[in-house]
Amino acid sequence: MYVRLFSSAIDPNDLPEVRRIFAEDIGPVFESFAGCLSMELLLGTDRNAGGLIDAAALSRWKSQEDLTTAIESRAVAESMVRILPFLQLEPVIRMFEIVDVE
């Protein structure tokens, strides 16, 4: 299984709109793809040093191929266009493989 973490920061005044866009657009678009196990919005509980709220989207995937198919799709690109204006810092994207330890 794979995890993708997309993180940035948003203005606290934009929280309601970011929550709405995520709930109505981004979450459903990602979850419509085969292999997407979940999509979550993570919001920092405190303001960071710049007065912004740290925010991240965490998605879980069955395979790297499923994730790549979704990220390269037109639907995801269109969804991202709606959220990008609210990001106050350059997004950082990290990918992880979940390792079963036996």
N, C-alpha and C. Protein backbone atom coordinates (compact mmCIF):
# COMPACT_ATOMS: atom_id res chain seq x y z
N MET A 1 0.85 -1.17 0.00
CA MET A 1 0.00 0.00 0.00
C MET A 1 0.90 1.24 0.00
N TYR A 2 0.36 2.34 -0.58
CA TYR A 2 1.12 3.58 -0.70
C TYR A 2 0.35 4.73 -0.10
N VAL A 3 1.09 5.72 0.40
CA VAL A 3 0.50 6.92 0.97
C VAL A 3 1.11 8.12 0.25
N ARG A 4 0.25 9.07 -0.09
CA ARG A 4 0.70 10.33 -0.68
C ARG A 4 0.30 11.45 0.27
N LEU A 5 1.27 12.28 0.64
CA LEU A 5 1.03 13.40 1.53
C LEU A 5 1.33 14.69 0.76
N PHE A 6 0.29 15.48 0.56
CA PHE A 6 0.39 16.76 -0.14
C PHE A 6 0.19 17.84 0.91
N SER A 7 1.22 18.64 1.20
CA SER A 7 1.11 19.60 2.30
C SER A 7 1.46 21.02 1.87
N SER A 8 0.83 21.97 2.55
CA SER A 8 1.06 23.39 2.32
C SER A 8 0.57 24.13 3.57
N ALA A 9 0.15 25.35 3.41
CA ALA A 9 -0.44 26.14 4.51
C ALA A 9 -1.49 27.05 3.91
N ILE A 10 -2.50 27.37 4.73
CA ILE A 10 -3.58 28.22 4.26
C ILE A 10 -3.86 29.32 5.27
N ASP A 11 -4.45 30.39 4.79
CA ASP A 11 -4.87 31.49 5.64
C ASP A 11 -6.03 31.00 6.51
N PRO A 12 -6.01 31.27 7.80
CA PRO A 12 -7.11 30.82 8.66
C PRO A 12 -8.50 31.29 8.19
N ASN A 13 -8.55 32.45 7.55
CA ASN A 13 -9.83 32.97 7.04
C ASN A 13 -10.39 32.12 5.90
N ASP A 14 -9.53 31.33 5.26
CA ASP A 14 -9.95 30.51 4.13
C ASP A 14 -10.39 29.10 4.55
N LEU A 15 -10.32 28.78 5.83
CA LEU A 15 -10.66 27.44 6.29
C LEU A 15 -12.04 26.96 5.83
N PRO A 16 -13.10 27.76 5.98
CA PRO A 16 -14.42 27.27 5.55
C PRO A 16 -14.46 26.90 4.06
N GLU A 17 -13.85 27.73 3.23
CA GLU A 17 -13.87 27.45 1.79
C GLU A 17 -13.00 26.25 1.44
N VAL A 18 -11.87 26.11 2.08
CA VAL A 18 -11.00 24.95 1.84
C VAL A 18 -11.71 23.67 2.26
N ARG A 19 -12.37 23.68 3.40
CA ARG A 19 -13.13 22.51 3.85
C ARG A 19 -14.22 22.15 2.84
N ARG A 20 -14.93 23.17 2.33
CA ARG A 20 -16.01 22.94 1.38
C ARG A 20 -15.48 22.33 0.08
N ILE A 21 -14.41 22.92 -0.46
CA ILE A 21 -13.84 22.43 -1.71
C ILE A 21 -13.36 20.99 -1.53
N PHE A 22 -12.74 20.71 -0.41
CA PHE A 22 -12.25 19.35 -0.17
C PHE A 22 -13.42 18.37 -0.10
N ALA A 23 -14.45 18.73 0.66
CA ALA A 23 -15.60 17.82 0.85
C ALA A 23 -16.40 17.62 -0.42
N GLU A 24 -16.57 18.67 -1.20
CA GLU A 24 -17.43 18.59 -2.39
C GLU A 24 -16.69 18.21 -3.66
N ASP A 25 -15.39 18.42 -3.69
CA ASP A 25 -14.66 18.26 -4.94
C ASP A 25 -13.46 17.31 -4.81
N ILE A 26 -12.46 17.73 -4.09
CA ILE A 26 -11.20 16.98 -4.07
C ILE A 26 -11.37 15.57 -3.52
N GLY A 27 -11.97 15.43 -2.36
CA GLY A 27 -12.16 14.11 -1.77
C GLY A 27 -12.91 13.17 -2.71
N PRO A 28 -14.10 13.56 -3.18
CA PRO A 28 -14.85 12.68 -4.09
C PRO A 28 -14.12 12.36 -5.39
N VAL A 29 -13.39 13.32 -5.94
CA VAL A 29 -12.67 13.06 -7.19
C VAL A 29 -11.61 11.99 -6.97
N PHE A 30 -10.80 12.16 -5.95
CA PHE A 30 -9.76 11.16 -5.69
C PHE A 30 -10.37 9.80 -5.38
N GLU A 31 -11.39 9.78 -4.53
CA GLU A 31 -11.99 8.50 -4.12
C GLU A 31 -12.74 7.81 -5.25
N SER A 32 -12.98 8.51 -6.36
CA SER A 32 -13.66 7.89 -7.49
C SER A 32 -12.72 6.97 -8.28
N PHE A 33 -11.44 7.06 -8.03
CA PHE A 33 -10.46 6.25 -8.75
C PHE A 33 -10.28 4.89 -8.10
N ALA A 34 -10.21 3.89 -8.95
CA ALA A 34 -9.92 2.53 -8.47
C ALA A 34 -8.58 2.57 -7.75
N GLY A 35 -8.52 1.93 -6.64
CA GLY A 35 -7.27 1.85 -5.90
C GLY A 35 -7.13 2.89 -4.82
N CYS A 36 -7.98 3.93 -4.81
CA CYS A 36 -7.91 4.92 -3.74
C CYS A 36 -8.67 4.35 -2.54
N LEU A 37 -7.96 4.12 -1.47
CA LEU A 37 -8.56 3.54 -0.27
C LEU A 37 -9.14 4.61 0.65
N SER A 38 -8.55 5.79 0.65
CA SER A 38 -9.07 6.89 1.45
C SER A 38 -8.40 8.20 1.05
N MET A 39 -9.08 9.29 1.39
CA MET A 39 -8.55 10.64 1.15
C MET A 39 -8.99 11.48 2.34
N GLU A 40 -8.03 12.09 3.02
CA GLU A 40 -8.33 12.85 4.23
C GLU A 40 -7.71 14.23 4.17
N LEU A 41 -8.40 15.20 4.73
CA LEU A 41 -7.87 16.54 4.89
C LEU A 41 -7.36 16.67 6.33
N LEU A 42 -6.11 17.08 6.48
CA LEU A 42 -5.50 17.27 7.79
C LEU A 42 -5.25 18.76 7.98
N LEU A 43 -5.70 19.30 9.10
CA LEU A 43 -5.50 20.72 9.40
C LEU A 43 -4.77 20.86 10.71
N GLY A 44 -3.75 21.71 10.73
CA GLY A 44 -3.00 21.96 11.96
C GLY A 44 -3.90 22.53 13.03
N THR A 45 -3.61 22.23 14.26
CA THR A 45 -4.43 22.71 15.37
C THR A 45 -4.01 24.09 15.86
N ASP A 46 -2.84 24.54 15.45
CA ASP A 46 -2.34 25.86 15.82
C ASP A 46 -1.82 26.56 14.58
N ARG A 47 -1.73 27.86 14.67
CA ARG A 47 -1.11 28.62 13.57
C ARG A 47 0.40 28.41 13.61
N ASN A 48 1.00 28.38 12.42
CA ASN A 48 2.45 28.24 12.37
C ASN A 48 3.11 29.60 12.60
N ALA A 49 4.43 29.67 12.47
CA ALA A 49 5.17 30.90 12.76
C ALA A 49 4.72 32.07 11.89
N GLY A 50 4.20 31.79 10.70
CA GLY A 50 3.74 32.84 9.81
C GLY A 50 2.27 33.19 10.00
N GLY A 51 1.63 32.59 11.00
CA GLY A 51 0.23 32.87 11.25
C GLY A 51 -0.72 32.05 10.38
N LEU A 52 -0.18 31.13 9.61
CA LEU A 52 -0.99 30.29 8.73
C LEU A 52 -1.34 28.97 9.41
N ILE A 53 -2.27 28.25 8.82
CA ILE A 53 -2.63 26.92 9.29
C ILE A 53 -1.98 25.89 8.38
N ASP A 54 -1.20 24.99 8.95
CA ASP A 54 -0.63 23.90 8.16
C ASP A 54 -1.78 23.00 7.71
N ALA A 55 -1.72 22.57 6.46
CA ALA A 55 -2.77 21.72 5.91
C ALA A 55 -2.14 20.66 5.03
N ALA A 56 -2.79 19.50 4.99
CA ALA A 56 -2.29 18.41 4.16
C ALA A 56 -3.46 17.55 3.69
N ALA A 57 -3.26 16.95 2.55
CA ALA A 57 -4.19 15.94 2.04
C ALA A 57 -3.44 14.62 2.07
N LEU A 58 -4.01 13.64 2.75
CA LEU A 58 -3.39 12.32 2.89
C LEU A 58 -4.26 11.31 2.15
N SER A 59 -3.67 10.67 1.17
CA SER A 59 -4.42 9.63 0.44
C SER A 59 -3.68 8.31 0.54
N ARG A 60 -4.47 7.23 0.57
CA ARG A 60 -3.93 5.87 0.65
C ARG A 60 -4.34 5.12 -0.61
N TRP A 61 -3.40 4.36 -1.15
CA TRP A 61 -3.58 3.70 -2.45
C TRP A 61 -3.17 2.25 -2.41
N LYS A 62 -3.87 1.42 -3.18
CA LYS A 62 -3.52 0.01 -3.28
C LYS A 62 -2.19 -0.18 -3.98
N SER A 63 -1.93 0.64 -5.01
CA SER A 63 -0.68 0.47 -5.76
C SER A 63 -0.16 1.81 -6.27
N GLN A 64 1.09 1.82 -6.60
CA GLN A 64 1.72 3.01 -7.18
C GLN A 64 1.08 3.33 -8.53
N GLU A 65 0.70 2.31 -9.28
CA GLU A 65 0.08 2.50 -10.59
C GLU A 65 -1.28 3.20 -10.45
N ASP A 66 -2.07 2.79 -9.46
CA ASP A 66 -3.36 3.43 -9.23
C ASP A 66 -3.19 4.91 -8.90
N LEU A 67 -2.22 5.20 -8.08
CA LEU A 67 -1.94 6.58 -7.70
C LEU A 67 -1.51 7.40 -8.91
N THR A 68 -0.61 6.86 -9.69
CA THR A 68 -0.12 7.57 -10.88
C THR A 68 -1.25 7.85 -11.85
N THR A 69 -2.12 6.88 -12.07
CA THR A 69 -3.25 7.06 -12.98
C THR A 69 -4.13 8.22 -12.51
N ALA A 70 -4.41 8.28 -11.22
CA ALA A 70 -5.24 9.35 -10.69
C ALA A 70 -4.56 10.71 -10.82
N ILE A 71 -3.31 10.80 -10.41
CA ILE A 71 -2.59 12.08 -10.42
C ILE A 71 -2.46 12.62 -11.84
N GLU A 72 -2.32 11.76 -12.81
CA GLU A 72 -2.16 12.19 -14.20
C GLU A 72 -3.49 12.45 -14.91
N SER A 73 -4.60 12.26 -14.23
CA SER A 73 -5.91 12.40 -14.86
C SER A 73 -6.35 13.86 -14.97
N ARG A 74 -7.21 14.09 -15.92
CA ARG A 74 -7.80 15.42 -16.10
C ARG A 74 -8.68 15.80 -14.90
N ALA A 75 -9.42 14.84 -14.37
CA ALA A 75 -10.31 15.12 -13.23
C ALA A 75 -9.54 15.65 -12.03
N VAL A 76 -8.40 15.05 -11.73
CA VAL A 76 -7.59 15.51 -10.59
C VAL A 76 -6.98 16.87 -10.90
N ALA A 77 -6.51 17.07 -12.12
CA ALA A 77 -5.94 18.37 -12.50
C ALA A 77 -6.97 19.49 -12.34
N GLU A 78 -8.20 19.24 -12.78
CA GLU A 78 -9.25 20.24 -12.66
C GLU A 78 -9.61 20.50 -11.19
N SER A 79 -9.60 19.46 -10.40
CA SER A 79 -9.89 19.59 -8.98
C SER A 79 -8.81 20.42 -8.29
N MET A 80 -7.57 20.20 -8.64
CA MET A 80 -6.46 20.91 -8.01
C MET A 80 -6.48 22.40 -8.36
N VAL A 81 -6.95 22.76 -9.54
CA VAL A 81 -7.03 24.16 -9.95
C VAL A 81 -7.90 24.95 -8.97
N ARG A 82 -8.91 24.32 -8.42
CA ARG A 82 -9.82 25.02 -7.51
C ARG A 82 -9.20 25.27 -6.12
N ILE A 83 -8.26 24.43 -5.72
CA ILE A 83 -7.68 24.58 -4.38
C ILE A 83 -6.37 25.38 -4.40
N LEU A 84 -5.66 25.39 -5.50
CA LEU A 84 -4.35 26.03 -5.56
C LEU A 84 -4.35 27.50 -5.13
N PRO A 85 -5.37 28.30 -5.46
CA PRO A 85 -5.34 29.71 -5.03
C PRO A 85 -5.32 29.91 -3.51
N PHE A 86 -5.72 28.90 -2.76
CA PHE A 86 -5.76 29.02 -1.30
C PHE A 86 -4.45 28.62 -0.64
N LEU A 87 -3.53 28.03 -1.38
CA LEU A 87 -2.26 27.58 -0.81
C LEU A 87 -1.30 28.76 -0.69
N GLN A 88 -0.83 29.01 0.51
CA GLN A 88 0.05 30.14 0.79
C GLN A 88 1.54 29.79 0.71
N LEU A 89 1.84 28.50 0.68
CA LEU A 89 3.22 28.04 0.54
C LEU A 89 3.29 27.04 -0.60
N GLU A 90 4.44 26.95 -1.22
CA GLU A 90 4.64 25.96 -2.27
C GLU A 90 4.34 24.57 -1.71
N PRO A 91 3.48 23.81 -2.37
CA PRO A 91 3.16 22.47 -1.85
C PRO A 91 4.37 21.54 -1.82
N VAL A 92 4.39 20.70 -0.83
CA VAL A 92 5.40 19.65 -0.71
C VAL A 92 4.65 18.33 -0.85
N ILE A 93 5.12 17.48 -1.75
CA ILE A 93 4.46 16.20 -1.98
C ILE A 93 5.44 15.09 -1.62
N ARG A 94 4.98 14.19 -0.77
CA ARG A 94 5.81 13.06 -0.35
C ARG A 94 5.04 11.78 -0.57
N MET A 95 5.76 10.74 -0.96
CA MET A 95 5.17 9.44 -1.20
C MET A 95 5.85 8.43 -0.27
N PHE A 96 5.04 7.54 0.27
CA PHE A 96 5.55 6.52 1.18
C PHE A 96 4.95 5.17 0.82
N GLU A 97 5.73 4.17 1.01
CA GLU A 97 5.23 2.79 0.91
C GLU A 97 5.03 2.30 2.34
N ILE A 98 3.86 1.74 2.60
CA ILE A 98 3.60 1.17 3.91
C ILE A 98 4.22 -0.22 3.95
N VAL A 99 5.10 -0.42 4.90
CA VAL A 99 5.84 -1.68 4.99
C VAL A 99 5.28 -2.52 6.13
N ASP A 100 4.91 -3.74 5.81
CA ASP A 100 4.46 -4.67 6.85
C ASP A 100 5.70 -5.27 7.52
N VAL A 101 5.80 -5.09 8.80
CA VAL A 101 6.92 -5.65 9.55
C VAL A 101 6.45 -6.95 10.19
N GLU A 102 7.17 -7.98 9.89
CA GLU A 102 6.79 -9.30 10.43
C GLU A 102 7.82 -9.82 11.39
